[in-house]
Every structure is written in structure tokens, then in C-alpha cells.
């Protein structure tokens, strides 16, 4: 990447043992296939074993929550450190379990200071879904700094990190959302409504670029047609493996 080219960073995060290195490797491969031009791919992680060489693995900054506190994604707030390992430029954060199905270059071109998915289930709220968000590295340190100072009060009011993140950015008048079609919910948009879910396989909605697997269902479950809700059990979707691969 030349000095004159705006720096684009794909950020992901892997901690604990829920996701193996194959999630990082497949995410990198999907980005490589669907993002035009140069980019840097960074995984903030406490376990780099098995991660492919093209991925730059860096330590997750300390959040310093008391032991025993439900995690609920709070660790993702460390992406807003004032100095995140010296990284500069525009960062697009992607959850490890997303599936990219089309060109994601527009995610770097969409106007706005901070962009996030608008929550599908309760669209009247400001809260975004933090599976996909974009920001300038180092420009919103107050998101993390205020949480570190006020975490007891924040956790008493809010369930997870995306609610806090949306609230702080909204207070600044900088919260904006991706075009609605770009980030599709596997649960709400891809699986046909009952009873058609027993007759038709899930599919990619028109205009979708990234499929979001929020909740307990991940791409391997969707490929096999597994679900935790019997009434919403989908048919297998083997076509996901065409996208979710190295």
C-alpha cells in the first residue's frame, strides 16, 4: 500500500475458545475475494495459533473488567483505544461469524463518520448491531475511556457493548447506519417465514453483501440446517460453503 493510498484496515477479534483459527482464515479469504484494492487485515486476539500468515495478529488491549462479569461483547470496545497498536486510517470491523456474499468495497465508500447496522428487531431504537461497523482509528477514545470509568453504571443500564457504543456516538450526533439491504440477518431475512421454512431453503436477500449470524447459530449450523428453535427450523443451506471458505 503506497503512502498516498488511504489506509483501509479490516479488524476482527478472537478471544477465548468459541471460535477456532478457521473463522479468521475464512473471513480473510472472503474479504480478499470481495474487497477491491489493498487492505490490511488485523485480528486482535489472545490466541494466534493456526491463523494464516496474511493476517496480522495483535494483542487485545486490556479492558480490566472484574472477574466473573458476563462478557456480552464488552471486549469489542477496545477497538476504540486512543492508540490501537499504532494503527491508522479507516477500520471496518467484522464479526468472525459473518458470511460475505458480495462486494464490500462500498462499506469504505459510504459517507459518514461512524456507521453501524441498524437493529432489525427493534428499529425504533438507536441501537446498532456491531457485527459490522466502520470508524477512523483513534478518533473515538471516549467510547472506551468512559466505559472504563463508568462500567458499573453502564452495565446496570445496558445489556451489551453495542448499546453503549451506539449511545455514545449518538450523543455526538455522528451515529449513522448502513443501507438496510447491505447487512442481512440470517434469522430474520434469509430463512423463509413459517411454514415456508419447511418447504424452501434459506436464500440471500436482494442487495445483501454480508450475512449476519447473530445469536447462537453460526455458518456451520446454517449449512446443516440446525436451529435452536423447532418452529423456525430451516432447511440446510449448503450454498453457504461456497462463500464461507478459504
C-alpha atoms as a PDB file:
ATOM      1  CA  UNK A   1       0.000   0.000   0.000  1.00  0.00           C
ATOM      2  CA  UNK A   2       1.570   3.283  -1.067  1.00  0.00           C
ATOM      3  CA  UNK A   3       1.853   6.287   1.250  1.00  0.00           C
ATOM      4  CA  UNK A   4      -0.633   8.208  -0.921  1.00  0.00           C
ATOM      5  CA  UNK A   5      -3.305   5.488  -0.702  1.00  0.00           C
ATOM      6  CA  UNK A   6      -5.832   5.850   2.140  1.00  0.00           C
ATOM      7  CA  UNK A   7      -5.178   3.060   4.622  1.00  0.00           C
ATOM      8  CA  UNK A   8      -8.011   0.561   4.918  1.00  0.00           C
ATOM      9  CA  UNK A   9      -7.979  -1.926   7.766  1.00  0.00           C
ATOM     10  CA  UNK A  10     -10.243  -4.887   8.299  1.00  0.00           C
ATOM     11  CA  UNK A  11     -10.496  -5.538  12.038  1.00  0.00           C
ATOM     12  CA  UNK A  12     -11.732  -8.699  13.683  1.00  0.00           C
ATOM     13  CA  UNK A  13     -11.395 -10.043  17.196  1.00  0.00           C
ATOM     14  CA  UNK A  14     -10.971 -13.569  18.576  1.00  0.00           C
ATOM     15  CA  UNK A  15     -10.723 -14.336  22.261  1.00  0.00           C
ATOM     16  CA  UNK A  16     -11.303 -17.489  24.226  1.00  0.00           C
ATOM     17  CA  UNK A  17     -12.058 -20.802  22.534  1.00  0.00           C
ATOM     18  CA  UNK A  18     -15.521 -20.303  20.995  1.00  0.00           C
ATOM     19  CA  UNK A  19     -14.057 -19.703  17.512  1.00  0.00           C
ATOM     20  CA  UNK A  20     -11.089 -21.505  16.043  1.00  0.00           C
ATOM     21  CA  UNK A  21      -8.492 -20.041  13.648  1.00  0.00           C
ATOM     22  CA  UNK A  22     -10.524 -21.292  10.662  1.00  0.00           C
ATOM     23  CA  UNK A  23     -13.015 -18.487  11.291  1.00  0.00           C
ATOM     24  CA  UNK A  24     -10.268 -15.879  10.935  1.00  0.00           C
ATOM     25  CA  UNK A  25      -8.776 -17.582   7.896  1.00  0.00           C
ATOM     26  CA  UNK A  26     -12.106 -17.870   6.111  1.00  0.00           C
ATOM     27  CA  UNK A  27     -13.014 -14.284   6.944  1.00  0.00           C
ATOM     28  CA  UNK A  28      -9.723 -13.110   5.440  1.00  0.00           C
ATOM     29  CA  UNK A  29     -10.360 -15.167   2.299  1.00  0.00           C
ATOM     30  CA  UNK A  30     -13.869 -13.753   1.894  1.00  0.00           C
ATOM     31  CA  UNK A  31     -12.560 -10.198   2.280  1.00  0.00           C
ATOM     32  CA  UNK A  32      -9.814 -10.864  -0.256  1.00  0.00           C
ATOM     33  CA  UNK A  33     -12.400 -12.067  -2.778  1.00  0.00           C
ATOM     34  CA  UNK A  34     -14.858  -9.232  -2.153  1.00  0.00           C
ATOM     35  CA  UNK A  35     -12.819  -6.094  -1.400  1.00  0.00           C
ATOM     36  CA  UNK A  36     -11.252  -4.272  -4.326  1.00  0.00           C
ATOM     37  CA  UNK A  37      -7.767  -2.851  -3.811  1.00  0.00           C
ATOM     38  CA  UNK A  38      -5.267  -3.036  -0.981  1.00  0.00           C
ATOM     39  CA  UNK A  39      -6.120  -3.505   2.663  1.00  0.00           C
ATOM     40  CA  UNK A  40      -4.561  -4.581   5.924  1.00  0.00           C
ATOM     41  CA  UNK A  41      -6.207  -7.399   7.880  1.00  0.00           C
ATOM     42  CA  UNK A  42      -5.770  -7.310  11.665  1.00  0.00           C
ATOM     43  CA  UNK A  43      -7.025  -9.812  14.212  1.00  0.00           C
ATOM     44  CA  UNK A  44      -6.962  -8.719  17.845  1.00  0.00           C
ATOM     45  CA  UNK A  45      -6.562 -11.979  19.690  1.00  0.00           C
ATOM     46  CA  UNK A  46      -5.217 -13.894  22.674  1.00  0.00           C
ATOM     47  CA  UNK A  47      -4.566 -16.989  20.501  1.00  0.00           C
ATOM     48  CA  UNK A  48      -2.819 -16.670  17.147  1.00  0.00           C
ATOM     49  CA  UNK A  49      -2.058 -20.368  16.563  1.00  0.00           C
ATOM     50  CA  UNK A  50      -3.249 -21.568  13.182  1.00  0.00           C
ATOM     51  CA  UNK A  51      -4.022 -18.103  11.782  1.00  0.00           C
ATOM     52  CA  UNK A  52      -2.794 -17.623   8.210  1.00  0.00           C
ATOM     53  CA  UNK A  53       0.302 -15.513   7.571  1.00  0.00           C
ATOM     54  CA  UNK A  54      -1.543 -12.714   5.730  1.00  0.00           C
ATOM     55  CA  UNK A  55      -3.339 -11.805   8.969  1.00  0.00           C
ATOM     56  CA  UNK A  56      -1.552  -9.512  11.417  1.00  0.00           C
ATOM     57  CA  UNK A  57      -2.320 -10.818  14.911  1.00  0.00           C
ATOM     58  CA  UNK A  58      -2.076  -8.241  17.711  1.00  0.00           C
ATOM     59  CA  UNK A  59      -2.921  -8.435  21.432  1.00  0.00           C
ATOM     60  CA  UNK A  60      -6.327  -7.320  22.634  1.00  0.00           C
ATOM     61  CA  UNK A  61      -5.950  -4.199  24.805  1.00  0.00           C
ATOM     62  CA  UNK A  62      -6.857  -4.832  28.427  1.00  0.00           C
ATOM     63  CA  UNK A  63     -10.447  -3.980  29.308  1.00  0.00           C
ATOM     64  CA  UNK A  64      -9.890  -4.724  33.003  1.00  0.00           C
ATOM     65  CA  UNK A  65     -13.415  -5.788  33.973  1.00  0.00           C
ATOM     66  CA  UNK A  66     -13.785  -7.517  37.349  1.00  0.00           C
ATOM     67  CA  UNK A  67     -13.637 -11.320  37.305  1.00  0.00           C
ATOM     68  CA  UNK A  68     -16.950 -13.072  36.783  1.00  0.00           C
ATOM     69  CA  UNK A  69     -18.619 -10.259  34.833  1.00  0.00           C
ATOM     70  CA  UNK A  70     -20.689 -11.540  31.856  1.00  0.00           C
ATOM     71  CA  UNK A  71     -18.656 -10.642  28.770  1.00  0.00           C
ATOM     72  CA  UNK A  72     -21.506  -9.707  26.406  1.00  0.00           C
ATOM     73  CA  UNK A  73     -19.095  -8.354  23.815  1.00  0.00           C
ATOM     74  CA  UNK A  74     -17.657  -5.588  26.015  1.00  0.00           C
ATOM     75  CA  UNK A  75     -14.153  -6.563  24.812  1.00  0.00           C
ATOM     76  CA  UNK A  76     -15.008  -5.124  21.377  1.00  0.00           C
ATOM     77  CA  UNK A  77     -14.896  -1.641  22.917  1.00  0.00           C
ATOM     78  CA  UNK A  78     -11.091  -1.916  22.988  1.00  0.00           C
ATOM     79  CA  UNK A  79     -11.086  -1.292  19.218  1.00  0.00           C
ATOM     80  CA  UNK A  80     -11.656   2.347  20.224  1.00  0.00           C
ATOM     81  CA  UNK A  81      -8.375   2.704  22.100  1.00  0.00           C
ATOM     82  CA  UNK A  82      -6.755   6.097  21.513  1.00  0.00           C
ATOM     83  CA  UNK A  83      -3.725   4.284  20.131  1.00  0.00           C
ATOM     84  CA  UNK A  84      -4.555   0.812  18.886  1.00  0.00           C
ATOM     85  CA  UNK A  85      -1.067  -0.575  18.318  1.00  0.00           C
ATOM     86  CA  UNK A  86      -0.233   2.462  16.178  1.00  0.00           C
ATOM     87  CA  UNK A  87      -2.826   1.575  13.531  1.00  0.00           C
ATOM     88  CA  UNK A  88      -4.063   4.477  11.402  1.00  0.00           C
ATOM     89  CA  UNK A  89      -6.717   5.027   8.768  1.00  0.00           C
ATOM     90  CA  UNK A  90     -10.243   3.689   8.294  1.00  0.00           C
ATOM     91  CA  UNK A  91     -11.230   0.462  10.016  1.00  0.00           C
ATOM     92  CA  UNK A  92     -14.104  -1.835   9.096  1.00  0.00           C
ATOM     93  CA  UNK A  93     -14.840  -4.194  11.973  1.00  0.00           C
ATOM     94  CA  UNK A  94     -16.330  -7.580  11.074  1.00  0.00           C
ATOM     95  CA  UNK A  95     -17.533 -10.269  13.457  1.00  0.00           C
ATOM     96  CA  UNK A  96     -15.830 -13.610  12.889  1.00  0.00           C
ATOM     97  CA  UNK A  97     -19.036 -15.446  12.007  1.00  0.00           C
ATOM     98  CA  UNK A  98     -20.301 -13.197   9.207  1.00  0.00           C
ATOM     99  CA  UNK A  99     -20.535 -14.545   5.651  1.00  0.00           C
ATOM    100  CA  UNK A 100     -19.582 -12.160   2.836  1.00  0.00           C
ATOM    101  CA  UNK A 101     -21.570 -12.772  -0.349  1.00  0.00           C
ATOM    102  CA  UNK A 102     -20.890  -9.672  -2.470  1.00  0.00           C
ATOM    103  CA  UNK A 103     -18.564  -6.704  -2.950  1.00  0.00           C
ATOM    104  CA  UNK A 104     -17.823  -4.917   0.342  1.00  0.00           C
ATOM    105  CA  UNK A 105     -15.862  -2.051  -1.204  1.00  0.00           C
ATOM    106  CA  UNK A 106     -18.906   0.245  -0.727  1.00  0.00           C
ATOM    107  CA  UNK A 107     -18.542  -0.139   3.046  1.00  0.00           C
ATOM    108  CA  UNK A 108     -15.445   2.044   2.750  1.00  0.00           C
ATOM    109  CA  UNK A 109     -17.142   4.488   0.367  1.00  0.00           C
ATOM    110  CA  UNK A 110     -20.418   5.157   2.201  1.00  0.00           C
ATOM    111  CA  UNK A 111     -20.402   8.736   3.607  1.00  0.00           C
ATOM    112  CA  UNK A 112     -20.435   9.095   7.376  1.00  0.00           C
ATOM    113  CA  UNK A 113     -18.222   9.449  10.429  1.00  0.00           C
ATOM    114  CA  UNK A 114     -19.393   6.246  12.115  1.00  0.00           C
ATOM    115  CA  UNK A 115     -21.565   3.572  10.508  1.00  0.00           C
ATOM    116  CA  UNK A 116     -23.163   0.501  12.031  1.00  0.00           C
ATOM    117  CA  UNK A 117     -26.034  -1.921  11.299  1.00  0.00           C
ATOM    118  CA  UNK A 118     -29.414  -0.634  12.448  1.00  0.00           C
ATOM    119  CA  UNK A 119     -31.002  -3.179  14.779  1.00  0.00           C
ATOM    120  CA  UNK A 120     -33.584  -5.254  12.886  1.00  0.00           C
ATOM    121  CA  UNK A 121     -35.705  -6.461  15.793  1.00  0.00           C
ATOM    122  CA  UNK A 122     -36.357  -3.045  17.385  1.00  0.00           C
ATOM    123  CA  UNK A 123     -35.809  -0.468  14.628  1.00  0.00           C
ATOM    124  CA  UNK A 124     -37.359   2.327  16.709  1.00  0.00           C
ATOM    125  CA  UNK A 125     -34.266   2.294  18.956  1.00  0.00           C
ATOM    126  CA  UNK A 126     -30.972   3.959  18.060  1.00  0.00           C
ATOM    127  CA  UNK A 127     -29.029   0.806  18.971  1.00  0.00           C
ATOM    128  CA  UNK A 128     -26.921  -0.684  16.217  1.00  0.00           C
ATOM    129  CA  UNK A 129     -25.761  -4.242  15.693  1.00  0.00           C
ATOM    130  CA  UNK A 130     -21.972  -4.198  15.994  1.00  0.00           C
ATOM    131  CA  UNK A 131     -21.319  -7.180  13.705  1.00  0.00           C
ATOM    132  CA  UNK A 132     -20.220  -4.612  11.083  1.00  0.00           C
ATOM    133  CA  UNK A 133     -19.112  -1.054  11.914  1.00  0.00           C
ATOM    134  CA  UNK A 134     -16.711   1.493  10.428  1.00  0.00           C
ATOM    135  CA  UNK A 135     -14.743   4.294  12.034  1.00  0.00           C
ATOM    136  CA  UNK A 136     -11.461   6.166  11.890  1.00  0.00           C
ATOM    137  CA  UNK A 137      -8.937   4.503  14.161  1.00  0.00           C
ATOM    138  CA  UNK A 138      -8.174   6.514  17.290  1.00  0.00           C
ATOM    139  CA  UNK A 139     -10.948   9.071  16.777  1.00  0.00           C
ATOM    140  CA  UNK A 140     -13.454   7.901  19.416  1.00  0.00           C
ATOM    141  CA  UNK A 141     -11.371   7.055  22.500  1.00  0.00           C
ATOM    142  CA  UNK A 142     -14.157   8.313  24.774  1.00  0.00           C
ATOM    143  CA  UNK A 143     -16.172   5.162  23.964  1.00  0.00           C
ATOM    144  CA  UNK A 144     -13.593   3.043  25.777  1.00  0.00           C
ATOM    145  CA  UNK A 145     -12.371   5.592  28.328  1.00  0.00           C
ATOM    146  CA  UNK A 146     -15.856   6.410  29.619  1.00  0.00           C
ATOM    147  CA  UNK A 147     -16.735   2.722  29.827  1.00  0.00           C
ATOM    148  CA  UNK A 148     -13.630   2.024  31.893  1.00  0.00           C
ATOM    149  CA  UNK A 149     -14.616   4.815  34.307  1.00  0.00           C
ATOM    150  CA  UNK A 150     -18.359   4.109  34.412  1.00  0.00           C
ATOM    151  CA  UNK A 151     -18.625   0.380  33.677  1.00  0.00           C
ATOM    152  CA  UNK A 152     -20.724  -0.432  36.754  1.00  0.00           C
ATOM    153  CA  UNK A 153     -23.354   2.191  35.876  1.00  0.00           C
ATOM    154  CA  UNK A 154     -23.233   1.307  32.178  1.00  0.00           C
ATOM    155  CA  UNK A 155     -23.707  -2.416  32.790  1.00  0.00           C
ATOM    156  CA  UNK A 156     -26.595  -1.675  35.167  1.00  0.00           C
ATOM    157  CA  UNK A 157     -28.430   0.165  32.377  1.00  0.00           C
ATOM    158  CA  UNK A 158     -27.362  -1.585  29.200  1.00  0.00           C
ATOM    159  CA  UNK A 159     -27.135  -5.243  28.244  1.00  0.00           C
ATOM    160  CA  UNK A 160     -24.174  -5.227  25.873  1.00  0.00           C
ATOM    161  CA  UNK A 161     -21.409  -3.258  24.198  1.00  0.00           C
ATOM    162  CA  UNK A 162     -23.349  -2.297  21.072  1.00  0.00           C
ATOM    163  CA  UNK A 163     -25.943  -0.429  23.115  1.00  0.00           C
ATOM    164  CA  UNK A 164     -23.204   1.599  24.839  1.00  0.00           C
ATOM    165  CA  UNK A 165     -21.314   2.223  21.617  1.00  0.00           C
ATOM    166  CA  UNK A 166     -24.460   3.430  19.830  1.00  0.00           C
ATOM    167  CA  UNK A 167     -25.416   5.663  22.746  1.00  0.00           C
ATOM    168  CA  UNK A 168     -22.070   7.451  22.962  1.00  0.00           C
ATOM    169  CA  UNK A 169     -21.749   8.024  19.214  1.00  0.00           C
ATOM    170  CA  UNK A 170     -25.392   9.170  19.035  1.00  0.00           C
ATOM    171  CA  UNK A 171     -24.727  11.739  21.776  1.00  0.00           C
ATOM    172  CA  UNK A 172     -22.117  13.242  19.468  1.00  0.00           C
ATOM    173  CA  UNK A 173     -24.545  13.366  16.538  1.00  0.00           C
ATOM    174  CA  UNK A 174     -22.330  11.041  14.497  1.00  0.00           C
ATOM    175  CA  UNK A 175     -24.298   7.785  14.502  1.00  0.00           C
ATOM    176  CA  UNK A 176     -25.332   6.574  11.034  1.00  0.00           C
ATOM    177  CA  UNK A 177     -26.489   3.248   9.631  1.00  0.00           C
ATOM    178  CA  UNK A 178     -25.602   1.143   6.622  1.00  0.00           C
ATOM    179  CA  UNK A 179     -28.144   0.943   3.800  1.00  0.00           C
ATOM    180  CA  UNK A 180     -30.720  -1.542   5.074  1.00  0.00           C
ATOM    181  CA  UNK A 181     -30.161  -4.215   2.419  1.00  0.00           C
ATOM    182  CA  UNK A 182     -26.388  -4.500   2.809  1.00  0.00           C
ATOM    183  CA  UNK A 183     -26.275  -6.460   6.079  1.00  0.00           C
ATOM    184  CA  UNK A 184     -28.917  -9.182   6.184  1.00  0.00           C
ATOM    185  CA  UNK A 185     -29.885 -11.154   9.260  1.00  0.00           C
ATOM    186  CA  UNK A 186     -29.739 -14.913   8.735  1.00  0.00           C
ATOM    187  CA  UNK A 187     -32.567 -15.329  11.208  1.00  0.00           C
ATOM    188  CA  UNK A 188     -34.879 -12.566  10.001  1.00  0.00           C
ATOM    189  CA  UNK A 189     -34.105 -12.170   6.302  1.00  0.00           C
ATOM    190  CA  UNK A 190     -32.667 -15.412   4.909  1.00  0.00           C
ATOM    191  CA  UNK A 191     -34.907 -18.090   6.438  1.00  0.00           C
ATOM    192  CA  UNK A 192     -38.412 -18.131   4.895  1.00  0.00           C
ATOM    193  CA  UNK A 193     -41.255 -17.400   7.303  1.00  0.00           C
ATOM    194  CA  UNK A 194     -43.195 -20.271   8.856  1.00  0.00           C
ATOM    195  CA  UNK A 195     -44.453 -22.555   7.380  1.00  0.00           C
ATOM    196  CA  UNK A 196     -42.439 -21.911   4.205  1.00  0.00           C
ATOM    197  CA  UNK A 197     -39.229 -22.612   6.134  1.00  0.00           C
ATOM    198  CA  UNK A 198     -40.159 -26.321   5.819  1.00  0.00           C
ATOM    199  CA  UNK A 199     -40.519 -26.035   2.034  1.00  0.00           C
ATOM    200  CA  UNK A 200     -37.949 -23.518   0.851  1.00  0.00           C
ATOM    201  CA  UNK A 201     -34.254 -23.357   1.647  1.00  0.00           C
ATOM    202  CA  UNK A 202     -32.793 -20.119   3.006  1.00  0.00           C
ATOM    203  CA  UNK A 203     -31.508 -17.696   0.388  1.00  0.00           C
ATOM    204  CA  UNK A 204     -29.567 -14.450   0.029  1.00  0.00           C
ATOM    205  CA  UNK A 205     -31.916 -11.445   0.105  1.00  0.00           C
ATOM    206  CA  UNK A 206     -31.740  -8.956  -2.752  1.00  0.00           C
ATOM    207  CA  UNK A 207     -28.989  -6.397  -2.232  1.00  0.00           C
ATOM    208  CA  UNK A 208     -27.281  -8.257   0.624  1.00  0.00           C
ATOM    209  CA  UNK A 209     -23.493  -8.027   0.856  1.00  0.00           C
ATOM    210  CA  UNK A 210     -22.899  -9.556   4.294  1.00  0.00           C
ATOM    211  CA  UNK A 211     -24.979 -12.163   6.124  1.00  0.00           C
ATOM    212  CA  UNK A 212     -25.086 -11.704   9.901  1.00  0.00           C
ATOM    213  CA  UNK A 213     -25.314 -14.717  12.213  1.00  0.00           C
ATOM    214  CA  UNK A 214     -26.399 -13.105  15.469  1.00  0.00           C
ATOM    215  CA  UNK A 215     -27.476 -15.313  18.343  1.00  0.00           C
ATOM    216  CA  UNK A 216     -26.336 -18.910  18.711  1.00  0.00           C
ATOM    217  CA  UNK A 217     -26.489 -20.041  15.063  1.00  0.00           C
ATOM    218  CA  UNK A 218     -23.198 -19.949  13.136  1.00  0.00           C
ATOM    219  CA  UNK A 219     -22.387 -20.721   9.467  1.00  0.00           C
ATOM    220  CA  UNK A 220     -21.737 -24.464  10.088  1.00  0.00           C
ATOM    221  CA  UNK A 221     -25.197 -24.739  11.702  1.00  0.00           C
ATOM    222  CA  UNK A 222     -26.825 -22.990   8.755  1.00  0.00           C
ATOM    223  CA  UNK A 223     -25.086 -25.257   6.261  1.00  0.00           C
ATOM    224  CA  UNK A 224     -26.531 -28.309   8.043  1.00  0.00           C
ATOM    225  CA  UNK A 225     -29.925 -26.753   8.782  1.00  0.00           C
ATOM    226  CA  UNK A 226     -29.505 -26.828  12.559  1.00  0.00           C
ATOM    227  CA  UNK A 227     -31.533 -24.460  14.744  1.00  0.00           C
ATOM    228  CA  UNK A 228     -32.357 -23.956  18.412  1.00  0.00           C
ATOM    229  CA  UNK A 229     -35.975 -23.098  17.567  1.00  0.00           C
ATOM    230  CA  UNK A 230     -38.041 -26.012  16.276  1.00  0.00           C
ATOM    231  CA  UNK A 231     -40.756 -23.762  14.860  1.00  0.00           C
ATOM    232  CA  UNK A 232     -38.178 -21.846  12.827  1.00  0.00           C
ATOM    233  CA  UNK A 233     -36.018 -24.791  11.784  1.00  0.00           C
ATOM    234  CA  UNK A 234     -34.618 -24.051   8.308  1.00  0.00           C
ATOM    235  CA  UNK A 235     -33.729 -26.454   5.555  1.00  0.00           C
ATOM    236  CA  UNK A 236     -29.982 -26.988   5.014  1.00  0.00           C
ATOM    237  CA  UNK A 237     -28.202 -24.254   3.058  1.00  0.00           C
ATOM    238  CA  UNK A 238     -25.124 -25.961   1.540  1.00  0.00           C
ATOM    239  CA  UNK A 239     -24.584 -22.920  -0.713  1.00  0.00           C
ATOM    240  CA  UNK A 240     -23.111 -21.078   2.292  1.00  0.00           C
ATOM    241  CA  UNK A 241     -19.995 -23.226   1.964  1.00  0.00           C
ATOM    242  CA  UNK A 242     -19.378 -21.642  -1.452  1.00  0.00           C
ATOM    243  CA  UNK A 243     -18.808 -18.324   0.329  1.00  0.00           C
ATOM    244  CA  UNK A 244     -17.567 -19.416   3.774  1.00  0.00           C
ATOM    245  CA  UNK A 245     -14.271 -20.973   2.664  1.00  0.00           C
ATOM    246  CA  UNK A 246     -10.608 -20.207   2.240  1.00  0.00           C
END
